[in-house]
């Protein structure tokens, strides 16, 4: 049995050698080519950002049947875990400086969805932390009252850069507006760490 297997192996090896007889080894210059990945072009970055934005837009539903309905005079409030109670209280009371605002009046749901995403991304780039979104109460909105308010209350919970939000004080729009606290940008986090490290 052993000799038969050995013979088969020798026959296989001889057949392999016959097939490979005219094959020449590749020439080598003994150099290792280290390819450094080049920085993406402006066009590549723009396409990547557009794809990311479209992905985020698709993440936010525009189907009223998929979100909790909010009445025009209902309070909107939300806080991610880790946000301190004192910080949330100051947001609720309107004690933070409002750096900018977005007005969604007269926009369709689809327009508002895009406007909200662009607004939050722009605020992040500009290191803005506290903003107001005017969504209106929606007393006459169709097919349900409080339509835009309902969408905003739902969408804001879906955005990773939103830490907290609360219906605004009367002088900032009351139940027709919401204060939004945004996450610090990576640049600001690094700056704060450096400041605390230096003491």
N, C-alpha and C. Protein backbone atom coordinates (compact mmCIF):
# COMPACT_ATOMS: atom_id res chain seq x y z
N UNK A 1 0.82 -1.19 0.00
CA UNK A 1 0.00 0.00 0.00
C UNK A 1 0.86 1.25 0.00
N UNK A 2 1.89 1.25 0.81
CA UNK A 2 2.77 2.40 0.92
C UNK A 2 3.47 2.66 -0.40
N UNK A 3 3.95 1.62 -1.05
CA UNK A 3 4.66 1.79 -2.31
C UNK A 3 3.74 2.32 -3.40
N UNK A 4 2.49 1.86 -3.37
CA UNK A 4 1.54 2.31 -4.39
C UNK A 4 1.29 3.81 -4.25
N UNK A 5 1.08 4.29 -3.02
CA UNK A 5 0.88 5.73 -2.78
C UNK A 5 2.11 6.52 -3.19
N UNK A 6 3.28 5.98 -2.88
CA UNK A 6 4.54 6.65 -3.21
C UNK A 6 4.67 6.76 -4.73
N UNK A 7 4.26 5.71 -5.44
CA UNK A 7 4.33 5.71 -6.89
C UNK A 7 3.36 6.74 -7.47
N UNK A 8 2.16 6.81 -6.90
CA UNK A 8 1.17 7.79 -7.35
C UNK A 8 1.70 9.20 -7.13
N UNK A 9 2.33 9.41 -5.97
CA UNK A 9 2.88 10.74 -5.68
C UNK A 9 3.99 11.08 -6.66
N UNK A 10 4.86 10.11 -6.98
CA UNK A 10 5.94 10.36 -7.93
C UNK A 10 5.38 10.66 -9.32
N UNK A 11 4.32 9.93 -9.72
CA UNK A 11 3.70 10.17 -11.02
C UNK A 11 3.10 11.58 -11.08
N UNK A 12 2.43 11.98 -9.98
CA UNK A 12 1.85 13.33 -9.91
C UNK A 12 2.93 14.39 -10.00
N UNK A 13 4.03 14.16 -9.31
CA UNK A 13 5.12 15.12 -9.30
C UNK A 13 5.75 15.23 -10.69
N UNK A 14 5.93 14.08 -11.36
CA UNK A 14 6.50 14.08 -12.71
C UNK A 14 5.57 14.82 -13.69
N UNK A 15 4.27 14.62 -13.54
CA UNK A 15 3.30 15.31 -14.40
C UNK A 15 3.34 16.82 -14.15
N UNK A 16 3.47 17.20 -12.90
CA UNK A 16 3.55 18.62 -12.55
C UNK A 16 4.80 19.25 -13.16
N UNK A 17 5.95 18.55 -13.03
CA UNK A 17 7.21 19.06 -13.58
C UNK A 17 7.11 19.22 -15.10
N UNK A 18 6.45 18.26 -15.75
CA UNK A 18 6.31 18.32 -17.20
C UNK A 18 5.48 19.55 -17.62
N UNK A 19 4.44 19.82 -16.88
CA UNK A 19 3.58 20.98 -17.18
C UNK A 19 4.30 22.30 -16.94
N UNK A 20 5.13 22.34 -15.94
CA UNK A 20 5.80 23.58 -15.54
C UNK A 20 7.20 23.73 -16.11
N UNK A 21 7.59 22.83 -16.98
CA UNK A 21 8.96 22.81 -17.49
C UNK A 21 9.41 24.10 -18.15
N UNK A 22 8.54 24.78 -18.90
CA UNK A 22 8.96 25.98 -19.61
C UNK A 22 8.63 27.28 -18.86
N UNK A 23 8.17 27.15 -17.64
CA UNK A 23 7.85 28.34 -16.83
C UNK A 23 9.13 28.93 -16.26
N UNK A 24 9.28 30.24 -16.41
CA UNK A 24 10.46 30.94 -15.89
C UNK A 24 10.07 31.73 -14.64
N UNK A 25 10.92 31.77 -13.63
CA UNK A 25 10.61 32.58 -12.44
C UNK A 25 10.56 34.06 -12.81
N UNK A 26 9.75 34.80 -12.09
CA UNK A 26 9.67 36.24 -12.31
C UNK A 26 10.98 36.89 -11.87
N UNK A 27 11.38 37.90 -12.63
CA UNK A 27 12.59 38.62 -12.25
C UNK A 27 12.25 39.54 -11.08
N UNK A 28 13.16 39.63 -10.16
CA UNK A 28 12.94 40.44 -8.97
C UNK A 28 14.05 41.46 -8.85
N UNK A 29 13.67 42.69 -8.52
CA UNK A 29 14.70 43.70 -8.30
C UNK A 29 14.94 43.91 -6.81
N UNK A 30 14.35 43.04 -5.99
CA UNK A 30 14.50 43.07 -4.54
C UNK A 30 14.12 44.41 -3.91
N UNK A 31 13.20 45.14 -4.54
CA UNK A 31 12.72 46.40 -3.98
C UNK A 31 11.30 46.19 -3.49
N UNK A 32 11.03 46.77 -2.35
CA UNK A 32 9.68 46.73 -1.81
C UNK A 32 9.04 48.07 -2.13
N UNK A 33 7.91 48.03 -2.81
CA UNK A 33 7.21 49.27 -3.15
C UNK A 33 6.17 49.52 -2.06
N UNK A 34 6.34 50.63 -1.38
CA UNK A 34 5.41 51.00 -0.32
C UNK A 34 4.49 52.08 -0.87
N UNK A 35 3.29 51.68 -1.22
CA UNK A 35 2.35 52.62 -1.82
C UNK A 35 1.63 53.39 -0.72
N UNK A 36 1.81 54.69 -0.71
CA UNK A 36 1.15 55.55 0.26
C UNK A 36 -0.17 56.01 -0.36
N UNK A 37 -1.22 55.86 0.42
CA UNK A 37 -2.53 56.25 -0.07
C UNK A 37 -2.59 57.78 -0.16
N UNK A 38 -2.96 58.27 -1.32
CA UNK A 38 -3.01 59.72 -1.48
C UNK A 38 -4.27 60.27 -0.82
N UNK A 39 -4.20 61.54 -0.47
CA UNK A 39 -5.36 62.19 0.16
C UNK A 39 -6.49 62.26 -0.86
N UNK A 40 -7.73 62.13 -0.38
CA UNK A 40 -8.86 62.19 -1.32
C UNK A 40 -8.96 63.58 -1.96
N UNK A 41 -9.42 63.61 -3.19
CA UNK A 41 -9.59 64.87 -3.90
C UNK A 41 -10.85 65.57 -3.37
N UNK A 42 -10.99 66.84 -3.73
CA UNK A 42 -12.19 67.59 -3.34
C UNK A 42 -13.45 66.92 -3.87
N UNK A 43 -13.38 66.43 -5.10
CA UNK A 43 -14.54 65.77 -5.70
C UNK A 43 -14.90 64.49 -4.95
N UNK A 44 -13.87 63.72 -4.55
CA UNK A 44 -14.12 62.49 -3.79
C UNK A 44 -14.74 62.82 -2.44
N UNK A 45 -14.22 63.86 -1.78
CA UNK A 45 -14.78 64.27 -0.49
C UNK A 45 -16.22 64.73 -0.64
N UNK A 46 -16.50 65.48 -1.69
CA UNK A 46 -17.86 65.96 -1.93
C UNK A 46 -18.81 64.78 -2.16
N UNK A 47 -18.37 63.79 -2.96
CA UNK A 47 -19.21 62.61 -3.20
C UNK A 47 -19.44 61.82 -1.92
N UNK A 48 -18.38 61.68 -1.12
CA UNK A 48 -18.48 60.95 0.15
C UNK A 48 -19.45 61.66 1.10
N UNK A 49 -19.33 62.99 1.20
CA UNK A 49 -20.23 63.76 2.07
C UNK A 49 -21.67 63.69 1.58
N UNK A 50 -21.86 63.75 0.26
CA UNK A 50 -23.21 63.65 -0.30
C UNK A 50 -23.82 62.29 0.00
N UNK A 51 -23.02 61.24 -0.11
CA UNK A 51 -23.52 59.89 0.17
C UNK A 51 -23.89 59.75 1.65
N UNK A 52 -23.06 60.31 2.53
CA UNK A 52 -23.34 60.26 3.96
C UNK A 52 -24.61 61.03 4.28
N UNK A 53 -24.75 62.21 3.69
CA UNK A 53 -25.94 63.03 3.93
C UNK A 53 -27.19 62.32 3.44
N UNK A 54 -27.11 61.69 2.27
CA UNK A 54 -28.26 60.97 1.73
C UNK A 54 -28.62 59.78 2.62
N UNK A 55 -27.61 59.12 3.15
CA UNK A 55 -27.84 58.01 4.07
C UNK A 55 -28.57 58.49 5.32
N UNK A 56 -28.15 59.64 5.85
CA UNK A 56 -28.80 60.19 7.04
C UNK A 56 -30.23 60.62 6.74
N UNK A 57 -30.44 61.23 5.57
CA UNK A 57 -31.80 61.64 5.18
C UNK A 57 -32.70 60.42 5.13
N UNK A 58 -32.22 59.34 4.55
CA UNK A 58 -33.02 58.13 4.44
C UNK A 58 -33.30 57.50 5.80
N UNK A 59 -32.42 57.77 6.76
CA UNK A 59 -32.62 57.25 8.11
C UNK A 59 -33.82 57.92 8.79
N UNK A 60 -34.12 59.15 8.39
CA UNK A 60 -35.22 59.90 8.99
C UNK A 60 -36.49 59.70 8.16
N UNK A 61 -37.45 59.05 8.75
CA UNK A 61 -38.69 58.75 8.02
C UNK A 61 -39.50 60.00 7.73
N UNK A 62 -40.23 59.97 6.63
CA UNK A 62 -41.18 61.04 6.35
C UNK A 62 -42.60 60.47 6.28
N UNK A 63 -42.76 59.29 6.89
CA UNK A 63 -44.06 58.62 6.95
C UNK A 63 -44.70 58.90 8.30
N UNK A 64 -45.78 59.65 8.30
CA UNK A 64 -46.45 60.06 9.55
C UNK A 64 -46.92 58.85 10.36
N UNK A 65 -47.20 57.74 9.69
CA UNK A 65 -47.66 56.54 10.40
C UNK A 65 -46.55 55.92 11.25
N UNK A 66 -45.28 56.28 10.97
CA UNK A 66 -44.14 55.66 11.66
C UNK A 66 -43.66 56.43 12.89
N UNK A 67 -44.26 57.58 13.18
CA UNK A 67 -43.75 58.39 14.29
C UNK A 67 -44.84 58.66 15.31
N UNK A 68 -44.45 58.93 16.56
CA UNK A 68 -45.46 59.29 17.57
C UNK A 68 -46.03 60.68 17.28
N UNK A 69 -47.33 60.82 17.36
CA UNK A 69 -47.99 62.11 17.10
C UNK A 69 -47.88 62.99 18.35
N UNK A 70 -47.68 64.28 18.10
CA UNK A 70 -47.57 65.27 19.17
C UNK A 70 -48.64 66.34 18.93
N UNK A 71 -49.39 66.67 19.95
CA UNK A 71 -50.39 67.74 19.83
C UNK A 71 -49.69 69.09 19.79
N UNK A 72 -50.33 70.10 19.19
CA UNK A 72 -49.71 71.42 19.06
C UNK A 72 -49.22 72.03 20.37
N UNK A 73 -49.91 71.77 21.47
CA UNK A 73 -49.50 72.37 22.75
C UNK A 73 -48.71 71.41 23.64
N UNK A 74 -48.32 70.26 23.11
CA UNK A 74 -47.51 69.32 23.89
C UNK A 74 -46.07 69.81 24.01
N UNK A 75 -45.45 69.44 25.11
CA UNK A 75 -44.05 69.76 25.38
C UNK A 75 -43.16 68.75 24.65
N UNK A 76 -42.10 69.23 24.03
CA UNK A 76 -41.09 68.35 23.46
C UNK A 76 -39.90 68.35 24.39
N UNK A 77 -39.45 67.19 24.81
CA UNK A 77 -38.24 67.11 25.63
C UNK A 77 -37.56 65.78 25.43
N UNK A 78 -36.22 65.83 25.48
CA UNK A 78 -35.42 64.63 25.27
C UNK A 78 -34.02 64.91 25.78
N UNK A 79 -33.42 63.89 26.37
CA UNK A 79 -32.05 64.02 26.88
C UNK A 79 -31.39 62.66 26.76
N UNK A 80 -30.22 62.63 26.12
CA UNK A 80 -29.45 61.39 26.04
C UNK A 80 -28.84 61.10 27.39
N UNK A 81 -28.61 59.82 27.66
CA UNK A 81 -27.95 59.49 28.92
C UNK A 81 -26.56 60.11 28.91
N UNK A 82 -26.14 60.60 30.05
CA UNK A 82 -24.85 61.27 30.17
C UNK A 82 -24.97 62.78 30.22
N UNK A 83 -26.10 63.31 29.78
CA UNK A 83 -26.31 64.76 29.88
C UNK A 83 -26.73 65.06 31.32
N UNK A 84 -25.98 65.94 31.96
CA UNK A 84 -26.24 66.25 33.37
C UNK A 84 -27.56 66.98 33.54
N UNK A 85 -28.22 66.72 34.67
CA UNK A 85 -29.51 67.34 34.96
C UNK A 85 -29.42 68.86 34.97
N UNK A 86 -28.35 69.40 35.55
CA UNK A 86 -28.18 70.86 35.60
C UNK A 86 -28.06 71.46 34.21
N UNK A 87 -27.37 70.77 33.33
CA UNK A 87 -27.21 71.23 31.94
C UNK A 87 -28.57 71.21 31.25
N UNK A 88 -29.32 70.12 31.46
CA UNK A 88 -30.64 70.01 30.83
C UNK A 88 -31.60 71.07 31.37
N UNK A 89 -31.51 71.35 32.66
CA UNK A 89 -32.36 72.37 33.27
C UNK A 89 -32.07 73.74 32.66
N UNK A 90 -30.79 74.06 32.50
CA UNK A 90 -30.42 75.35 31.89
C UNK A 90 -30.90 75.44 30.45
N UNK A 91 -30.86 74.33 29.73
CA UNK A 91 -31.38 74.32 28.36
C UNK A 91 -32.89 74.58 28.39
N UNK A 92 -33.59 73.87 29.25
CA UNK A 92 -35.05 74.00 29.37
C UNK A 92 -35.46 75.43 29.70
N UNK A 93 -34.67 76.09 30.56
CA UNK A 93 -34.99 77.45 30.99
C UNK A 93 -34.48 78.52 30.03
N UNK A 94 -33.84 78.11 28.95
CA UNK A 94 -33.36 79.06 27.96
C UNK A 94 -32.18 79.89 28.43
N UNK A 95 -31.36 79.32 29.31
CA UNK A 95 -30.24 80.08 29.89
C UNK A 95 -28.98 80.08 29.03
N UNK A 96 -28.94 79.23 28.02
CA UNK A 96 -27.77 79.22 27.14
C UNK A 96 -27.99 80.21 26.00
N UNK A 97 -26.90 80.83 25.56
CA UNK A 97 -26.99 81.74 24.41
C UNK A 97 -27.37 80.94 23.17
N UNK A 98 -28.38 81.41 22.48
CA UNK A 98 -28.81 80.77 21.24
C UNK A 98 -27.91 81.30 20.12
N UNK A 99 -27.19 80.40 19.47
CA UNK A 99 -26.20 80.82 18.48
C UNK A 99 -26.77 81.00 17.08
N UNK A 100 -27.83 80.29 16.77
CA UNK A 100 -28.49 80.44 15.47
C UNK A 100 -29.84 79.75 15.53
N UNK A 101 -30.63 79.94 14.48
CA UNK A 101 -31.95 79.30 14.45
C UNK A 101 -32.30 78.84 13.04
N UNK A 102 -33.19 77.86 13.00
CA UNK A 102 -33.71 77.33 11.74
C UNK A 102 -35.22 77.49 11.78
N UNK A 103 -35.78 78.12 10.74
CA UNK A 103 -37.22 78.31 10.66
C UNK A 103 -37.79 77.37 9.60
N UNK A 104 -38.65 76.47 10.03
CA UNK A 104 -39.23 75.46 9.13
C UNK A 104 -40.64 75.81 8.66
N UNK A 105 -41.14 76.99 9.04
CA UNK A 105 -42.47 77.40 8.61
C UNK A 105 -42.56 77.37 7.09
N UNK A 106 -43.66 76.93 6.58
CA UNK A 106 -44.01 76.84 5.16
C UNK A 106 -43.17 75.82 4.38
N UNK A 107 -42.41 74.98 5.06
CA UNK A 107 -41.67 73.91 4.37
C UNK A 107 -42.50 72.63 4.37
N UNK A 108 -42.30 71.83 3.33
CA UNK A 108 -42.90 70.50 3.32
C UNK A 108 -42.09 69.61 4.26
N UNK A 109 -42.60 68.44 4.56
CA UNK A 109 -41.89 67.50 5.43
C UNK A 109 -40.55 67.12 4.81
N UNK A 110 -40.55 66.84 3.52
CA UNK A 110 -39.29 66.46 2.84
C UNK A 110 -38.29 67.61 2.86
N UNK A 111 -38.75 68.82 2.61
CA UNK A 111 -37.85 69.98 2.65
C UNK A 111 -37.29 70.18 4.05
N UNK A 112 -38.16 70.03 5.05
CA UNK A 112 -37.73 70.22 6.44
C UNK A 112 -36.70 69.17 6.85
N UNK A 113 -36.88 67.96 6.38
CA UNK A 113 -35.95 66.88 6.70
C UNK A 113 -34.54 67.22 6.19
N UNK A 114 -34.45 67.66 4.95
CA UNK A 114 -33.15 68.06 4.38
C UNK A 114 -32.60 69.29 5.10
N UNK A 115 -33.46 70.27 5.35
CA UNK A 115 -33.02 71.50 6.01
C UNK A 115 -32.48 71.21 7.40
N UNK A 116 -33.14 70.32 8.13
CA UNK A 116 -32.70 69.97 9.48
C UNK A 116 -31.31 69.32 9.45
N UNK A 117 -31.13 68.35 8.58
CA UNK A 117 -29.82 67.68 8.50
C UNK A 117 -28.71 68.65 8.11
N UNK A 118 -28.97 69.48 7.11
CA UNK A 118 -27.96 70.46 6.69
C UNK A 118 -27.66 71.44 7.82
N UNK A 119 -28.69 71.85 8.53
CA UNK A 119 -28.54 72.80 9.63
C UNK A 119 -27.66 72.21 10.74
N UNK A 120 -27.96 70.99 11.15
CA UNK A 120 -27.19 70.35 12.23
C UNK A 120 -25.74 70.15 11.80
N UNK A 121 -25.53 69.70 10.58
CA UNK A 121 -24.16 69.50 10.08
C UNK A 121 -23.40 70.82 10.03
N UNK A 122 -24.06 71.88 9.57
CA UNK A 122 -23.42 73.19 9.50
C UNK A 122 -23.09 73.71 10.90
N UNK A 123 -24.01 73.54 11.83
CA UNK A 123 -23.76 73.97 13.22
C UNK A 123 -22.57 73.23 13.82
N UNK A 124 -22.46 71.94 13.52
CA UNK A 124 -21.33 71.15 14.01
C UNK A 124 -20.02 71.70 13.46
N UNK A 125 -19.99 71.97 12.16
CA UNK A 125 -18.78 72.51 11.54
C UNK A 125 -18.38 73.85 12.14
N UNK A 126 -19.38 74.63 12.53
CA UNK A 126 -19.12 75.97 13.07
C UNK A 126 -19.03 75.96 14.60
N UNK A 127 -18.99 74.77 15.20
CA UNK A 127 -18.85 74.60 16.65
C UNK A 127 -19.96 75.27 17.45
N UNK A 128 -21.17 75.25 16.93
CA UNK A 128 -22.32 75.80 17.65
C UNK A 128 -22.92 74.72 18.52
N UNK A 129 -23.28 75.08 19.73
CA UNK A 129 -23.77 74.09 20.69
C UNK A 129 -25.26 74.23 21.00
N UNK A 130 -25.78 75.46 21.05
CA UNK A 130 -27.18 75.67 21.42
C UNK A 130 -27.88 76.45 20.31
N UNK A 131 -28.91 75.82 19.75
CA UNK A 131 -29.63 76.42 18.62
C UNK A 131 -31.13 76.29 18.86
N UNK A 132 -31.89 77.01 18.06
CA UNK A 132 -33.36 76.91 18.13
C UNK A 132 -33.88 76.47 16.76
N UNK A 133 -34.86 75.59 16.80
CA UNK A 133 -35.58 75.20 15.58
C UNK A 133 -37.02 75.64 15.76
N UNK A 134 -37.48 76.51 14.85
CA UNK A 134 -38.87 76.95 14.85
C UNK A 134 -39.66 76.02 13.93
N UNK A 135 -40.47 75.17 14.54
CA UNK A 135 -41.26 74.21 13.76
C UNK A 135 -42.71 74.62 13.68
N UNK A 136 -43.13 75.56 14.51
CA UNK A 136 -44.53 75.96 14.57
C UNK A 136 -45.33 74.95 15.37
N UNK A 137 -46.51 75.38 15.78
CA UNK A 137 -47.38 74.46 16.54
C UNK A 137 -48.11 73.49 15.61
N UNK A 138 -48.45 73.95 14.44
CA UNK A 138 -49.17 73.10 13.49
C UNK A 138 -50.65 72.98 13.80
N UNK A 139 -51.25 74.09 14.25
CA UNK A 139 -52.68 74.07 14.59
C UNK A 139 -53.55 73.73 13.38
N UNK A 140 -53.12 74.14 12.20
CA UNK A 140 -53.91 73.90 10.98
C UNK A 140 -53.25 72.92 10.02
N UNK A 141 -52.24 72.20 10.48
CA UNK A 141 -51.53 71.30 9.56
C UNK A 141 -52.37 70.08 9.21
N UNK A 142 -52.11 69.54 8.04
CA UNK A 142 -52.83 68.37 7.56
C UNK A 142 -51.81 67.30 7.22
N UNK A 143 -52.05 66.05 7.37
CA UNK A 143 -53.30 65.39 7.74
C UNK A 143 -53.58 65.37 9.24
N UNK A 144 -52.61 65.78 10.05
CA UNK A 144 -52.85 65.83 11.50
C UNK A 144 -52.33 67.15 12.05
N UNK A 145 -52.91 67.59 13.14
CA UNK A 145 -52.40 68.79 13.82
C UNK A 145 -51.03 68.45 14.41
N UNK A 146 -50.16 69.45 14.45
CA UNK A 146 -48.83 69.24 15.02
C UNK A 146 -47.93 68.38 14.15
N UNK A 147 -48.16 68.39 12.84
CA UNK A 147 -47.42 67.52 11.91
C UNK A 147 -45.91 67.76 11.98
N UNK A 148 -45.47 69.00 11.71
CA UNK A 148 -44.03 69.28 11.69
C UNK A 148 -43.43 69.11 13.08
N UNK A 149 -44.16 69.51 14.10
CA UNK A 149 -43.69 69.36 15.48
C UNK A 149 -43.46 67.88 15.79
N UNK A 150 -44.35 67.03 15.34
CA UNK A 150 -44.22 65.59 15.56
C UNK A 150 -42.96 65.05 14.88
N UNK A 151 -42.76 65.45 13.63
CA UNK A 151 -41.57 64.99 12.91
C UNK A 151 -40.29 65.48 13.57
N UNK A 152 -40.24 66.75 13.94
CA UNK A 152 -39.04 67.31 14.56
C UNK A 152 -38.74 66.58 15.87
N UNK A 153 -39.75 66.36 16.68
CA UNK A 153 -39.55 65.64 17.94
C UNK A 153 -38.99 64.24 17.73
N UNK A 154 -39.41 63.60 16.67
CA UNK A 154 -38.91 62.25 16.36
C UNK A 154 -37.52 62.31 15.73
N UNK A 155 -37.35 63.14 14.73
CA UNK A 155 -36.07 63.21 14.01
C UNK A 155 -34.91 63.57 14.92
N UNK A 156 -35.12 64.53 15.81
CA UNK A 156 -34.01 64.96 16.67
C UNK A 156 -33.48 63.82 17.54
N UNK A 157 -34.35 62.90 17.92
CA UNK A 157 -33.88 61.75 18.72
C UNK A 157 -33.03 60.79 17.89
N UNK A 158 -33.14 60.87 16.57
CA UNK A 158 -32.42 59.97 15.68
C UNK A 158 -31.03 60.48 15.29
N UNK A 159 -30.77 61.74 15.53
CA UNK A 159 -29.50 62.34 15.10
C UNK A 159 -28.44 62.20 16.19
N UNK A 160 -27.30 61.57 15.87
CA UNK A 160 -26.28 61.32 16.89
C UNK A 160 -25.65 62.59 17.47
N UNK A 161 -25.69 63.70 16.73
CA UNK A 161 -25.08 64.94 17.23
C UNK A 161 -25.99 65.71 18.17
N UNK A 162 -27.24 65.28 18.32
CA UNK A 162 -28.18 65.96 19.22
C UNK A 162 -28.10 65.30 20.60
N UNK A 163 -27.70 66.10 21.60
CA UNK A 163 -27.60 65.59 22.97
C UNK A 163 -28.91 65.74 23.73
N UNK A 164 -29.61 66.84 23.48
CA UNK A 164 -30.85 67.11 24.22
C UNK A 164 -31.66 68.16 23.46
N UNK A 165 -32.96 68.18 23.75
CA UNK A 165 -33.79 69.27 23.25
C UNK A 165 -34.96 69.47 24.19
N UNK A 166 -35.53 70.67 24.15
CA UNK A 166 -36.67 71.01 25.01
C UNK A 166 -37.45 72.14 24.36
N UNK A 167 -38.78 72.09 24.48
CA UNK A 167 -39.60 73.19 23.98
C UNK A 167 -39.09 74.50 24.56
N UNK A 168 -39.16 75.54 23.74
CA UNK A 168 -38.55 76.83 24.10
C UNK A 168 -39.41 77.62 25.09
N UNK A 169 -38.77 78.59 25.71
CA UNK A 169 -39.48 79.56 26.54
C UNK A 169 -40.33 80.44 25.62
N UNK A 170 -41.33 81.08 26.19
CA UNK A 170 -42.28 81.87 25.39
C UNK A 170 -41.57 82.92 24.52
N UNK A 171 -40.58 83.61 25.08
CA UNK A 171 -39.91 84.68 24.32
C UNK A 171 -39.05 84.14 23.17
N UNK A 172 -38.84 82.83 23.11
CA UNK A 172 -38.11 82.21 22.01
C UNK A 172 -39.02 81.40 21.09
N UNK A 173 -40.32 81.47 21.29
CA UNK A 173 -41.23 80.75 20.40
C UNK A 173 -42.13 79.76 21.11
N UNK A 174 -41.92 79.54 22.40
CA UNK A 174 -42.79 78.66 23.18
C UNK A 174 -42.94 77.28 22.57
N UNK A 175 -44.18 76.79 22.52
CA UNK A 175 -44.45 75.44 22.03
C UNK A 175 -44.28 75.28 20.52
N UNK A 176 -43.98 76.39 19.84
CA UNK A 176 -43.74 76.32 18.40
C UNK A 176 -42.26 76.28 18.05
N UNK A 177 -41.41 76.12 19.08
CA UNK A 177 -39.96 76.09 18.84
C UNK A 177 -39.31 75.16 19.86
N UNK A 178 -38.10 74.78 19.57
CA UNK A 178 -37.39 73.86 20.46
C UNK A 178 -35.92 74.27 20.56
N UNK A 179 -35.41 74.28 21.80
CA UNK A 179 -33.97 74.47 22.01
C UNK A 179 -33.30 73.13 21.72
N UNK A 180 -32.16 73.17 21.06
CA UNK A 180 -31.43 71.95 20.75
C UNK A 180 -29.98 72.11 21.21
N UNK A 181 -29.51 71.15 22.00
CA UNK A 181 -28.11 71.15 22.42
C UNK A 181 -27.37 70.12 21.57
N UNK A 182 -26.31 70.59 20.92
CA UNK A 182 -25.53 69.73 20.03
C UNK A 182 -24.24 69.27 20.70
N UNK A 183 -23.78 68.13 20.29
CA UNK A 183 -22.51 67.56 20.75
C UNK A 183 -21.37 68.48 20.32
N UNK A 184 -20.34 68.52 21.14
CA UNK A 184 -19.14 69.28 20.77
C UNK A 184 -18.50 68.62 19.55
N UNK A 185 -17.94 69.44 18.68
CA UNK A 185 -17.21 68.88 17.55
C UNK A 185 -15.92 68.25 18.07
N UNK A 186 -15.33 67.38 17.29
CA UNK A 186 -14.08 66.72 17.69
C UNK A 186 -13.00 67.76 17.97
N UNK A 187 -12.99 68.82 17.17
CA UNK A 187 -12.01 69.90 17.36
C UNK A 187 -12.18 70.58 18.72
N UNK A 188 -13.43 70.87 19.09
CA UNK A 188 -13.71 71.52 20.37
C UNK A 188 -13.38 70.60 21.55
N UNK A 189 -13.66 69.29 21.39
CA UNK A 189 -13.33 68.34 22.46
C UNK A 189 -11.83 68.33 22.72
N UNK A 190 -11.04 68.32 21.65
CA UNK A 190 -9.59 68.33 21.79
C UNK A 190 -9.13 69.61 22.45
N UNK A 191 -9.71 70.72 22.04
CA UNK A 191 -9.37 72.03 22.62
C UNK A 191 -9.66 72.06 24.12
N UNK A 192 -10.81 71.54 24.52
CA UNK A 192 -11.20 71.50 25.94
C UNK A 192 -10.26 70.60 26.73
N UNK A 193 -9.92 69.44 26.16
CA UNK A 193 -8.98 68.53 26.84
C UNK A 193 -7.64 69.20 27.07
N UNK A 194 -7.15 69.89 26.05
CA UNK A 194 -5.86 70.59 26.16
C UNK A 194 -5.93 71.68 27.23
N UNK A 195 -7.03 72.40 27.27
CA UNK A 195 -7.20 73.47 28.25
C UNK A 195 -7.18 72.91 29.67
N UNK A 196 -7.88 71.79 29.89
CA UNK A 196 -7.92 71.18 31.22
C UNK A 196 -6.59 70.53 31.59
N UNK A 197 -5.88 70.03 30.60
CA UNK A 197 -4.59 69.41 30.86
C UNK A 197 -3.58 70.45 31.33
N UNK A 198 -3.64 71.64 30.73
CA UNK A 198 -2.71 72.71 31.10
C UNK A 198 -3.05 73.29 32.47
N UNK A 199 -4.32 73.14 32.85
CA UNK A 199 -4.75 73.56 34.18
C UNK A 199 -4.96 75.00 34.24
